[in-house]
Protein backbone atom coordinates (compact mmCIF):
# COMPACT_ATOMS: atom_id res chain seq x y z
CA MET A 1 126.83 67.59 147.11
CA ALA A 2 129.30 67.37 144.25
CA TYR A 3 130.89 64.96 141.79
CA ALA A 4 134.24 66.72 141.42
CA THR A 5 136.33 66.92 144.59
CA ASP A 6 139.18 69.10 145.75
CA ALA A 7 141.33 66.05 146.48
CA GLN A 8 140.82 64.44 143.08
CA ILE A 9 141.39 67.70 141.21
CA ARG A 10 144.70 68.26 142.98
CA LYS A 11 145.73 64.64 142.43
CA ILE A 12 145.09 64.93 138.69
CA SER A 13 146.59 68.39 138.21
CA ASN A 14 149.15 68.77 141.01
CA PHE A 15 147.88 72.32 141.59
CA THR A 16 148.98 73.55 145.00
CA THR A 17 146.93 75.67 147.37
CA ASN A 18 149.39 78.48 146.65
CA GLU A 19 148.43 78.39 142.98
CA ILE A 20 144.69 78.13 143.60
CA SER A 21 143.43 77.93 147.16
CA ASP A 22 139.68 77.57 146.67
CA LEU A 23 138.18 75.27 144.02
CA THR A 24 134.52 75.78 144.97
CA GLU A 25 133.62 77.78 141.87
CA GLN A 26 135.40 75.39 139.51
CA ILE A 27 133.76 72.34 141.11
CA ALA A 28 130.27 73.84 140.84
CA ALA A 29 130.75 74.78 137.18
CA ALA A 30 132.23 71.39 136.26
CA ASP A 31 129.48 69.46 138.04
CA LYS A 32 126.79 71.49 136.29
CA TRP A 33 128.42 70.93 132.91
CA VAL A 34 128.72 67.16 133.41
CA LEU A 35 125.21 66.77 134.85
CA GLU A 36 123.66 68.54 131.88
CA ARG A 37 125.32 66.04 129.54
CA ILE A 38 124.90 62.74 131.36
CA THR A 39 121.22 63.50 132.03
CA SER A 40 118.23 65.15 130.36
CA LYS A 41 115.88 67.44 132.28
CA HIS A 42 112.11 66.94 132.04
CA ARG A 43 110.19 69.96 133.28
CA LEU A 44 106.54 69.88 134.34
CA GLU A 45 105.80 66.75 132.33
CA GLY A 46 102.47 65.01 132.78
CA VAL A 47 102.64 61.70 134.66
CA ASN A 48 100.55 58.53 134.63
CA GLY A 49 98.36 57.49 137.55
CA LYS A 50 94.82 57.74 138.90
CA ILE A 51 93.61 61.00 140.39
CA ASP A 52 91.00 59.72 142.80
CA GLY A 53 91.86 60.99 146.28
CA SER A 54 93.51 57.72 147.35
CA ASN A 55 96.25 56.92 144.81
CA THR A 56 99.70 58.19 145.79
CA GLU A 57 101.79 56.40 143.15
CA PHE A 58 102.60 57.94 139.78
CA ARG A 59 104.85 56.98 136.89
CA VAL A 60 106.84 59.40 134.77
CA GLN A 61 106.89 59.07 131.00
CA GLU A 62 110.59 58.26 130.69
CA TYR A 63 112.81 56.30 133.05
CA PRO A 64 115.02 55.30 134.80
CA ILE A 65 115.04 58.49 136.86
CA ALA A 66 118.46 60.08 137.31
CA ASP A 67 120.38 61.85 140.04
CA ASP A 68 119.62 65.58 140.03
CA ASN A 69 121.34 66.89 143.15
CA LEU A 70 124.80 65.34 142.68
CA ASP A 71 124.66 63.12 145.76
CA SER A 72 125.34 59.91 143.78
CA ALA A 73 121.91 58.45 144.56
CA VAL A 74 118.36 58.70 143.25
CA ASP A 75 115.69 59.42 145.84
CA ALA A 76 112.83 61.75 146.73
CA ASN A 77 115.15 64.76 146.61
CA ASP A 78 115.76 64.34 142.88
CA VAL A 79 112.18 64.86 141.71
CA GLU A 80 109.35 67.36 142.09
CA ILE A 81 105.62 66.69 141.80
CA TYR A 82 102.99 69.37 141.21
CA TYR A 83 99.19 69.26 141.25
CA ALA A 84 97.76 71.55 138.60
CA THR A 85 94.61 73.66 138.85
CA TYR A 86 93.19 76.46 136.72
CA SER A 87 93.24 80.17 137.45
CA ASP A 88 89.85 81.73 138.21
CA VAL A 89 89.99 84.48 135.62
CA ASN A 90 91.68 83.13 132.51
CA LYS A 91 91.61 79.41 133.32
CA PHE A 92 95.37 79.22 132.84
CA LEU A 93 97.08 76.11 134.17
CA GLN A 94 98.80 76.84 137.50
CA PHE A 95 101.01 74.55 139.55
CA GLY A 96 101.40 76.01 143.03
CA SER A 97 103.94 74.49 145.42
CA ALA A 98 105.73 71.18 144.97
CA GLN A 99 104.16 68.23 146.78
CA THR A 100 105.99 66.12 149.36
CA VAL A 101 107.58 63.07 147.73
CA THR A 102 108.06 60.05 149.99
CA SER A 103 110.02 57.71 147.73
CA VAL A 104 111.19 56.99 144.21
CA VAL A 105 111.60 53.69 142.36
CA GLU A 106 114.15 54.92 139.85
CA ASP A 107 114.28 51.96 137.46
CA ASP A 108 110.49 51.83 137.12
CA GLY A 109 109.94 55.59 137.01
CA ILE A 110 107.65 55.48 140.05
CA ILE A 111 107.19 58.48 142.33
CA ASN A 112 105.24 58.16 145.58
CA VAL A 113 103.73 61.19 147.27
CA THR A 114 102.37 61.83 150.76
CA THR A 115 99.02 63.39 149.83
CA ALA A 116 96.84 61.82 147.17
CA PRO A 117 95.55 64.31 144.61
CA THR A 118 91.83 64.71 144.01
CA THR A 119 89.85 65.88 141.03
CA THR A 120 89.71 69.24 142.83
CA THR A 121 93.33 69.67 143.99
CA ALA A 122 94.67 68.33 140.69
CA ILE A 123 91.87 69.16 138.29
CA GLY A 124 94.49 70.11 135.69
CA GLY A 125 96.54 66.94 136.19
CA VAL A 126 99.70 65.79 137.96
CA PHE A 127 103.09 66.90 136.67
CA ALA A 128 106.70 66.05 137.45
CA THR A 129 110.10 67.66 137.04
CA TYR A 130 112.93 65.13 136.95
CA ARG A 131 115.99 63.91 135.07
CA THR A 132 116.71 60.76 133.03
CA TRP A 133 120.09 59.25 132.15
CA ASN A 134 121.89 59.80 128.85
CA VAL A 135 124.19 56.88 129.69
CA TYR A 136 123.56 53.15 129.58
CA ASP A 137 125.50 52.35 132.75
CA VAL A 138 125.32 54.53 135.85
CA ASP A 139 128.86 54.76 137.22
CA TYR A 140 129.18 57.51 139.82
CA THR A 141 132.92 56.90 140.16
CA GLU A 142 133.36 57.68 136.46
CA PHE A 143 131.08 60.72 136.68
CA LYS A 144 133.27 62.05 139.49
CA ARG A 145 136.45 61.49 137.49
CA ILE A 146 135.05 63.30 134.45
CA ALA A 147 133.82 66.23 136.53
CA SER A 148 137.21 66.47 138.23
CA TYR A 149 138.99 66.64 134.86
CA VAL A 150 136.66 69.42 133.71
CA ALA A 151 137.26 71.25 136.98
CA CYS A 152 141.01 70.87 136.38
CA ALA A 153 140.63 72.73 133.09
CA TYR A 154 138.67 75.49 134.81
CA ALA A 155 141.27 75.71 137.57
CA GLN A 156 144.07 75.76 135.01
CA ALA A 157 142.40 78.62 133.18
CA LYS A 158 142.36 80.63 136.38
CA VAL A 159 145.98 79.79 137.21
CA LEU A 160 147.06 80.80 133.69
CA GLY A 161 145.04 84.01 133.88
CA LEU A 162 142.72 83.05 131.05
CA SER A 163 139.06 84.01 130.69
CA GLY A 164 136.90 83.96 133.82
CA ASN A 165 133.94 83.25 131.56
CA TYR A 166 133.60 79.46 131.43
CA HIS A 167 131.99 79.65 128.00
CA GLU A 168 135.27 81.10 126.66
CA ILE A 169 137.68 78.78 128.45
CA GLU A 170 137.96 76.18 125.69
CA LYS A 171 138.74 78.89 123.16
CA ASP A 172 141.33 80.50 125.42
CA ILE A 173 143.00 77.18 126.22
CA ARG A 174 143.29 76.42 122.50
CA LYS A 175 145.15 79.71 122.10
CA SER A 176 147.53 78.75 124.91
CA SER A 177 150.40 76.29 124.60
CA ALA A 178 149.22 74.55 127.78
CA GLY A 179 145.97 73.29 129.14
CA GLY A 180 144.06 71.51 126.41
CA ASN A 181 144.55 67.98 127.67
CA TYR A 182 142.21 68.13 130.65
CA LEU A 183 139.25 69.05 128.44
CA GLU A 184 140.15 66.49 125.80
CA ILE A 185 140.50 63.71 128.38
CA ALA A 186 137.15 64.66 129.93
CA LYS A 187 135.48 64.69 126.50
CA SER A 188 136.93 61.28 125.62
CA MET A 189 135.79 59.71 128.90
CA LEU A 190 132.37 61.26 128.54
CA ASN A 191 131.86 60.05 124.98
CA ASN A 192 132.77 56.52 126.07
CA ILE A 193 129.71 56.37 128.33
CA LEU A 194 127.13 58.54 126.56
CA LYS A 195 124.38 57.07 124.42
CA PRO A 196 124.56 57.72 120.66
CA GLY A 197 123.06 61.09 119.86
CA CYS A 198 124.23 62.56 123.18
CA ARG A 199 127.95 62.58 122.45
CA VAL A 200 130.01 65.73 122.87
CA THR A 201 131.76 67.25 119.85
CA LYS A 202 132.62 70.57 121.51
CA PHE A 203 132.36 71.89 125.02
CA TYR A 204 130.15 74.88 124.43
CA GLY A 205 127.68 76.05 121.86
């Protein structure tokens, strides 16, 4: 799944297939960049809920839960749940494989799993990996537009023969007489929807 699309990128930029035939790399990089700014990742964070062999409902510490896989929806595929135990030798916390998630109630931060943990299978606790929103209003149409503008800048860099390293693109575009607008438009749109404290002042670093 992706936010940026070939059709929208070409509509914004007017790049032809002769100039750049395949936008897959640019779309993937733009989507990753946007996702990392409109959301925050929570990795192996302890969750709330009884561990008693029958409870299958757990609540994450922060919510609403956000889209993680760029499919413009929040569901079981956007979260991971782990049951922690301790290693035999050093008693280090270990997580094993992710559990099967049946459903997510995004606004309430609820994650439902298939198999209830017990005080044996989750002696070290229950943990989740998930994302939360850095925006007040979830507008997938706007996310797609922003990602497409960023992808336009990446595509333009390739067409102009600038750096293939995406971390250097902004610098290279500033050196060029063309190309800065796509990034500036994307930054402006992004800052209009981000919460205070999450706003973008530069693209990398």
